[in-house]
Amino acid sequence: MTLLINFKNKKMKTFKSTKGGVNPISVTVFVILVGTSIGLFSLELINMSLFISFLVISLFLANTIHIADQWEKAVVLRMGKYRGLKGPGIFFIIPIIDNIDNYIDQRVRVTDFKAEQTLTKDTVPVNVDAVVYWTVWDVEKAALEVQEYETAIFYVAQTGLRDMIGKHELAELLQERDKVAEDLQKIMDHHTNPWGITCQSVGIKDIIIPQNLADAMSKEAQAERERRARVILGTAETEIASKFAEASEKYKNNPVALHLRGMNMLFEGLKEKGSMVIVPSSALDTMNLGAMGGLVSLAKTNEPAQIVESQNVNDQILKK
């Protein structure tokens, strides 16, 4: 509440950008006219009454000259009624009768807003920070339809953001930020277009959730990644088993292919230094791996291989 009050007070102070009659050209004209009047009075070319009249006229003429910057429009009222828009550049008004109510900036402006401790559709409290980019496209409507359009835009944006949070679950807010921002921009445009203001875009800067909920979501994500890893591993094992079953059917009726495969496996295992190959004892008989191991060992210079057979474990250990 304090933040909103401070924001409102700040906007109330900065909303009207009336520059009055103080600008370099009016000041220069006033100084020249006053200097001329003082000079004429010093030379006794005019009397005191004319001198005072010249001073009043100088002040009057200086107040007729005003300047609006390139991005501004001046709202001119004549006797309290809307007279029109002036600027950019130099323009003239009738002092006393005409009054410049405001200088309205037509550049794209940005407003930060937030929704604190707002409940989502699944009753999760979140803090959401957002930003809206807007511009005044119709100065006349902005000047006549709404008193403080900057403050009004802030409250419209904040109210719309709270409403959007209440209509979405937490997962939707986190995963569909762009869609939420787009919907919020449409809601704001619906309210601000009658004021001559358009909201060009809305951005969700940050979504803050309670720490305990963040920890729970982190654990859930880790569990989900672990589950996927196990599923992928199981799928790989299934595919490997399927390929082995397919290969066994090929080797089943083709002993020559099985014999060649065994020779290749033995060669690959023994060609590295310090390697150890564990072979089932039955394979020694069916594929004659013992003889092949000896031939491979003799073929390698100074690299003897030894086959040890163990009847207890029914395995053969080939050492190089």
Protein backbone atom coordinates (compact mmCIF):
# COMPACT_ATOMS: atom_id res chain seq x y z
CA MET A 1 0.00 0.00 0.00
CA THR A 2 2.84 2.36 0.81
CA LEU A 3 4.41 1.68 -2.58
CA LEU A 4 1.18 2.48 -4.39
CA ILE A 5 0.63 5.69 -2.43
CA ASN A 6 4.17 6.86 -3.12
CA PHE A 7 3.77 6.04 -6.79
CA LYS A 8 0.51 7.95 -6.95
CA ASN A 9 1.97 10.98 -5.22
CA LYS A 10 4.95 10.91 -7.56
CA LYS A 11 2.70 10.77 -10.62
CA MET A 12 0.52 13.58 -9.30
CA LYS A 13 3.59 15.78 -9.03
CA THR A 14 5.03 14.93 -12.44
CA PHE A 15 1.85 14.56 -14.50
CA LYS A 16 1.54 18.19 -15.58
CA SER A 17 4.52 19.44 -17.48
CA THR A 18 3.50 23.08 -17.86
CA LYS A 19 6.48 25.16 -18.82
CA GLY A 20 4.69 28.48 -18.37
CA GLY A 21 6.17 31.43 -20.22
CA VAL A 22 9.77 30.75 -19.29
CA ASN A 23 11.73 29.98 -22.42
CA PRO A 24 14.86 31.50 -24.00
CA ILE A 25 12.99 33.44 -26.68
CA SER A 26 10.45 35.05 -24.33
CA VAL A 27 13.18 35.92 -21.83
CA THR A 28 15.30 37.46 -24.57
CA VAL A 29 12.39 39.52 -25.89
CA PHE A 30 11.54 40.68 -22.39
CA VAL A 31 15.14 41.71 -21.64
CA ILE A 32 15.42 43.62 -24.92
CA LEU A 33 12.16 45.47 -24.43
CA VAL A 34 12.93 46.31 -20.81
CA GLY A 35 16.42 47.48 -21.75
CA THR A 36 15.00 49.66 -24.50
CA SER A 37 12.46 51.15 -22.09
CA ILE A 38 15.15 51.89 -19.50
CA GLY A 39 17.31 53.50 -22.19
CA LEU A 40 14.48 55.72 -23.42
CA PHE A 41 13.61 56.67 -19.85
CA SER A 42 17.24 57.47 -19.07
CA LEU A 43 17.41 59.75 -22.11
CA GLU A 44 14.23 61.39 -20.90
CA LEU A 45 12.51 60.53 -24.16
CA ILE A 46 9.58 59.04 -22.25
CA ASN A 47 8.06 59.92 -18.94
CA MET A 48 7.35 57.62 -16.00
CA SER A 49 3.87 56.65 -17.13
CA LEU A 50 5.10 55.58 -20.55
CA PHE A 51 8.01 53.72 -18.94
CA ILE A 52 5.62 51.71 -16.78
CA SER A 53 3.39 51.10 -19.80
CA PHE A 54 6.40 49.81 -21.77
CA LEU A 55 7.27 47.45 -18.92
CA VAL A 56 3.73 46.04 -18.89
CA ILE A 57 3.74 45.67 -22.67
CA SER A 58 7.13 43.95 -22.52
CA LEU A 59 5.83 41.46 -20.00
CA PHE A 60 2.68 40.93 -22.07
CA LEU A 61 4.61 40.31 -25.30
CA ALA A 62 7.08 37.99 -23.60
CA ASN A 63 4.22 35.86 -22.28
CA THR A 64 2.77 35.40 -25.76
CA ILE A 65 5.77 33.38 -26.93
CA HIS A 66 6.00 29.69 -26.05
CA ILE A 67 7.98 26.70 -27.29
CA ALA A 68 7.04 23.01 -27.41
CA ASP A 69 9.67 20.33 -27.97
CA GLN A 70 9.56 18.07 -31.01
CA TRP A 71 7.85 15.24 -29.09
CA GLU A 72 5.33 17.46 -27.27
CA LYS A 73 1.92 18.98 -27.84
CA ALA A 74 0.69 21.94 -25.79
CA VAL A 75 -2.96 21.88 -24.68
CA VAL A 76 -4.32 25.43 -24.90
CA LEU A 77 -7.46 26.54 -23.05
CA ARG A 78 -9.21 29.83 -23.76
CA MET A 79 -11.24 31.10 -20.85
CA GLY A 80 -11.35 27.56 -19.51
CA LYS A 81 -12.53 25.95 -22.78
CA TYR A 82 -10.46 23.71 -25.01
CA ARG A 83 -8.93 25.86 -27.74
CA GLY A 84 -6.64 23.42 -29.49
CA LEU A 85 -3.16 21.95 -29.62
CA LYS A 86 0.00 23.89 -30.33
CA GLY A 87 3.49 22.81 -31.29
CA PRO A 88 5.99 21.44 -31.79
CA GLY A 89 8.17 24.50 -32.11
CA ILE A 90 7.35 28.13 -31.38
CA PHE A 91 3.73 29.28 -31.02
CA PHE A 92 1.84 32.27 -29.68
CA ILE A 93 -1.07 32.68 -27.30
CA ILE A 94 -3.04 35.58 -25.88
CA PRO A 95 -1.92 36.17 -22.28
CA ILE A 96 -4.58 36.21 -19.57
CA ILE A 97 -7.23 34.92 -22.02
CA ASP A 98 -5.35 31.79 -23.09
CA ASN A 99 -3.78 29.28 -20.76
CA ILE A 100 -1.48 26.31 -21.42
CA ASP A 101 -2.87 23.48 -19.32
CA ASN A 102 -0.29 20.83 -20.11
CA TYR A 103 2.53 19.69 -22.38
CA ILE A 104 1.84 16.06 -23.35
CA ASP A 105 4.75 13.82 -24.30
CA GLN A 106 4.03 11.62 -27.34
CA ARG A 107 7.11 9.42 -27.07
CA VAL A 108 6.92 5.76 -26.09
CA ARG A 109 7.01 5.54 -22.31
CA VAL A 110 7.46 2.66 -19.91
CA THR A 111 5.68 1.87 -16.65
CA ASP A 112 6.75 -0.79 -14.14
CA PHE A 113 4.05 -2.54 -12.15
CA LYS A 114 3.73 -5.65 -10.02
CA ALA A 115 1.24 -7.97 -8.35
CA GLU A 116 2.36 -9.08 -4.89
CA GLN A 117 1.12 -12.21 -3.13
CA THR A 118 -1.54 -12.91 -5.77
CA LEU A 119 -3.14 -16.36 -5.82
CA THR A 120 -3.08 -18.36 -9.04
CA LYS A 121 -5.93 -20.58 -10.18
CA ASP A 122 -4.41 -23.49 -8.21
CA THR A 123 -4.08 -21.25 -5.08
CA VAL A 124 -0.33 -20.66 -5.23
CA PRO A 125 0.81 -17.20 -4.01
CA VAL A 126 3.16 -15.54 -6.50
CA ASN A 127 4.84 -12.16 -6.98
CA VAL A 128 4.89 -11.02 -10.60
CA ASP A 129 6.89 -8.08 -11.95
CA ALA A 130 5.90 -6.70 -15.35
CA VAL A 131 6.43 -3.69 -17.58
CA VAL A 132 4.20 -1.99 -20.16
CA TYR A 133 5.27 0.20 -23.09
CA TRP A 134 2.65 2.77 -24.08
CA THR A 135 2.26 6.01 -26.00
CA VAL A 136 -0.27 8.82 -26.42
CA TRP A 137 -1.62 8.70 -29.98
CA ASP A 138 -4.51 11.18 -29.48
CA VAL A 139 -3.43 14.13 -27.35
CA GLU A 140 -6.89 15.70 -27.29
CA LYS A 141 -8.50 12.57 -25.80
CA ALA A 142 -5.68 12.10 -23.31
CA ALA A 143 -6.07 15.71 -22.15
CA LEU A 144 -9.88 15.75 -21.96
CA GLU A 145 -10.95 12.18 -21.13
CA VAL A 146 -8.75 11.26 -18.14
CA GLN A 147 -7.30 13.42 -15.41
CA GLU A 148 -4.05 11.56 -14.69
CA TYR A 149 -3.49 9.06 -17.44
CA GLU A 150 -0.12 7.84 -16.14
CA THR A 151 -1.60 6.84 -12.78
CA ALA A 152 -4.64 5.37 -14.51
CA ILE A 153 -2.43 3.22 -16.74
CA PHE A 154 -0.55 1.95 -13.71
CA TYR A 155 -3.71 0.85 -11.91
CA VAL A 156 -5.26 -0.65 -15.04
CA ALA A 157 -2.07 -2.65 -15.64
CA GLN A 158 -1.85 -3.85 -12.04
CA THR A 159 -5.53 -4.82 -11.88
CA GLY A 160 -5.33 -6.63 -15.22
CA LEU A 161 -2.22 -8.51 -14.11
CA ARG A 162 -3.90 -9.70 -10.91
CA ASP A 163 -6.90 -10.82 -12.91
CA MET A 164 -4.72 -12.76 -15.38
CA ILE A 165 -2.85 -14.48 -12.55
CA GLY A 166 -6.12 -15.62 -10.98
CA LYS A 167 -7.24 -17.18 -14.27
CA HIS A 168 -4.08 -19.25 -14.86
CA GLU A 169 -2.39 -22.05 -12.98
CA LEU A 170 1.22 -21.70 -11.91
CA ALA A 171 2.50 -24.02 -14.64
CA GLU A 172 0.76 -21.93 -17.29
CA LEU A 173 2.26 -18.72 -15.92
CA LEU A 174 5.76 -20.19 -15.98
CA GLN A 175 5.50 -21.84 -19.39
CA GLU A 176 3.32 -19.35 -21.29
CA ARG A 177 4.63 -15.94 -20.31
CA ASP A 178 4.28 -14.57 -23.82
CA LYS A 179 0.63 -15.58 -24.06
CA VAL A 180 -0.17 -14.09 -20.65
CA ALA A 181 1.58 -10.84 -21.61
CA GLU A 182 -0.30 -10.73 -24.92
CA ASP A 183 -3.66 -11.22 -23.21
CA LEU A 184 -2.81 -8.52 -20.67
CA GLN A 185 -1.85 -6.12 -23.46
CA LYS A 186 -5.26 -6.65 -25.12
CA ILE A 187 -7.04 -5.97 -21.81
CA MET A 188 -5.10 -2.74 -21.30
CA ASP A 189 -5.73 -1.61 -24.87
CA HIS A 190 -9.44 -2.13 -24.31
CA HIS A 191 -9.37 0.28 -21.36
CA THR A 192 -6.86 2.87 -22.63
CA ASN A 193 -7.90 3.29 -26.28
CA PRO A 194 -10.86 5.54 -25.32
CA TRP A 195 -8.30 7.78 -23.62
CA GLY A 196 -6.25 8.17 -26.80
CA ILE A 197 -3.52 5.91 -25.41
CA THR A 198 -2.29 2.63 -26.84
CA CYS A 199 -0.33 -0.09 -25.03
CA GLN A 200 2.21 -1.34 -27.54
CA SER A 201 3.54 -4.31 -25.57
CA VAL A 202 3.64 -5.89 -22.13
CA GLY A 203 6.54 -7.92 -20.75
CA ILE A 204 6.63 -10.26 -17.76
CA LYS A 205 9.98 -9.55 -16.09
CA ASP A 206 9.92 -12.05 -13.23
CA ILE A 207 7.68 -14.58 -11.49
CA ILE A 208 8.68 -15.24 -7.88
CA ILE A 209 7.23 -18.25 -6.06
CA PRO A 210 7.64 -19.32 -2.39
CA GLN A 211 10.98 -20.98 -1.60
CA ASN A 212 9.46 -24.19 -0.25
CA LEU A 213 7.42 -24.57 -3.42
CA ALA A 214 10.51 -23.92 -5.53
CA ASP A 215 12.37 -26.67 -3.65
CA ALA A 216 9.47 -29.09 -4.17
CA MET A 217 9.34 -28.28 -7.88
CA SER A 218 13.10 -28.81 -8.13
CA LYS A 219 12.80 -32.25 -6.54
CA GLU A 220 9.91 -33.09 -8.84
CA ALA A 221 11.97 -32.07 -11.87
CA GLN A 222 14.91 -34.18 -10.69
CA ALA A 223 12.62 -37.18 -10.17
CA GLU A 224 11.16 -36.71 -13.62
CA ARG A 225 14.63 -36.58 -15.20
CA GLU A 226 15.59 -39.75 -13.28
CA ARG A 227 12.45 -41.50 -14.52
CA ARG A 228 13.18 -40.52 -18.11
CA ALA A 229 16.76 -41.74 -17.78
CA ARG A 230 15.56 -45.12 -16.51
CA VAL A 231 13.01 -45.38 -19.30
CA ILE A 232 15.64 -44.58 -21.91
CA LEU A 233 18.03 -47.13 -20.38
CA GLY A 234 15.32 -49.79 -20.35
CA THR A 235 14.42 -49.00 -23.95
CA ALA A 236 18.07 -49.32 -24.94
CA GLU A 237 18.37 -52.68 -23.16
CA THR A 238 15.24 -53.89 -24.94
CA GLU A 239 16.63 -52.90 -28.31
CA ILE A 240 19.99 -54.52 -27.51
CA ALA A 241 18.29 -57.75 -26.45
CA SER A 242 16.23 -57.71 -29.62
CA LYS A 243 19.34 -57.30 -31.76
CA PHE A 244 21.16 -60.07 -29.87
CA ALA A 245 18.19 -62.35 -30.39
CA GLU A 246 18.22 -61.52 -34.09
CA ALA A 247 21.98 -62.15 -34.27
CA SER A 248 21.64 -65.47 -32.47
CA GLU A 249 19.21 -66.64 -35.12
CA LYS A 250 21.79 -65.76 -37.78
CA TYR A 251 24.58 -67.62 -35.96
CA LYS A 252 22.35 -70.57 -35.03
CA ASN A 253 22.34 -72.12 -38.48
CA ASN A 254 25.71 -70.74 -39.59
CA PRO A 255 28.61 -72.13 -37.49
CA VAL A 256 31.21 -70.66 -39.83
CA ALA A 257 29.93 -67.12 -39.17
CA LEU A 258 29.95 -67.80 -35.43
CA HIS A 259 33.51 -69.14 -35.69
CA LEU A 260 34.68 -66.01 -37.54
CA ARG A 261 32.94 -63.78 -35.01
CA GLY A 262 34.71 -65.54 -32.18
CA MET A 263 38.08 -65.08 -33.90
CA ASN A 264 37.40 -61.39 -34.33
CA MET A 265 36.42 -60.96 -30.68
CA LEU A 266 39.55 -62.76 -29.53
CA PHE A 267 41.77 -60.68 -31.77
CA GLU A 268 40.21 -57.42 -30.54
CA GLY A 269 40.72 -58.47 -26.94
CA LEU A 270 44.32 -59.56 -27.27
CA LYS A 271 45.71 -56.79 -29.43
CA GLU A 272 45.88 -54.34 -26.51
CA LYS A 273 48.67 -54.61 -23.98
CA GLY A 274 47.72 -55.82 -20.54
CA SER A 275 44.25 -56.92 -21.67
CA MET A 276 42.24 -59.70 -20.11
CA VAL A 277 39.54 -61.70 -21.88
CA ILE A 278 37.01 -63.87 -20.02
CA VAL A 279 35.59 -66.64 -22.21
CA PRO A 280 33.06 -69.34 -21.26
CA SER A 281 34.61 -72.84 -21.26
CA SER A 282 31.96 -74.06 -23.68
CA ALA A 283 33.13 -71.52 -26.23
CA LEU A 284 36.60 -73.06 -26.21
CA ASP A 285 35.17 -76.31 -27.49
CA THR A 286 32.61 -74.99 -29.96
CA MET A 287 34.78 -72.32 -31.55
CA ASN A 288 38.23 -73.82 -30.87
CA LEU A 289 39.28 -70.59 -29.13
CA GLY A 290 42.12 -72.28 -27.29
CA ALA A 291 43.99 -73.06 -30.49
CA MET A 292 43.24 -69.65 -31.88
CA GLY A 293 44.49 -67.98 -28.73
CA GLY A 294 47.77 -69.83 -29.02
CA LEU A 295 48.21 -68.86 -32.66
CA VAL A 296 47.52 -65.21 -31.87
CA SER A 297 49.98 -65.29 -28.99
CA LEU A 298 52.73 -66.80 -31.16
CA ALA A 299 52.11 -64.22 -33.83
CA LYS A 300 52.79 -61.31 -31.43
CA THR A 301 56.50 -60.84 -30.72
CA ASN A 302 57.43 -60.94 -27.00
CA GLU A 303 53.76 -60.81 -26.05
CA PRO A 304 52.83 -64.32 -24.80
CA ALA A 305 49.25 -65.13 -23.98
CA GLN A 306 48.18 -67.63 -21.38
CA ILE A 307 44.88 -69.41 -21.13
CA VAL A 308 43.79 -70.60 -17.77
CA GLU A 309 40.75 -72.79 -17.46
CA SER A 310 38.73 -73.02 -14.30
CA GLN A 311 36.21 -75.84 -14.03
CA ASN A 312 34.64 -74.32 -10.89
CA VAL A 313 33.45 -71.12 -12.62
CA ASN A 314 33.35 -72.59 -16.13
CA ASP A 315 35.34 -69.57 -17.46
CA GLN A 316 38.61 -69.12 -19.30
CA ILE A 317 40.90 -66.18 -18.52
CA LEU A 318 43.26 -65.23 -21.37
CA LYS A 319 46.15 -63.10 -20.26
CA LYS A 320 48.50 -61.32 -22.56
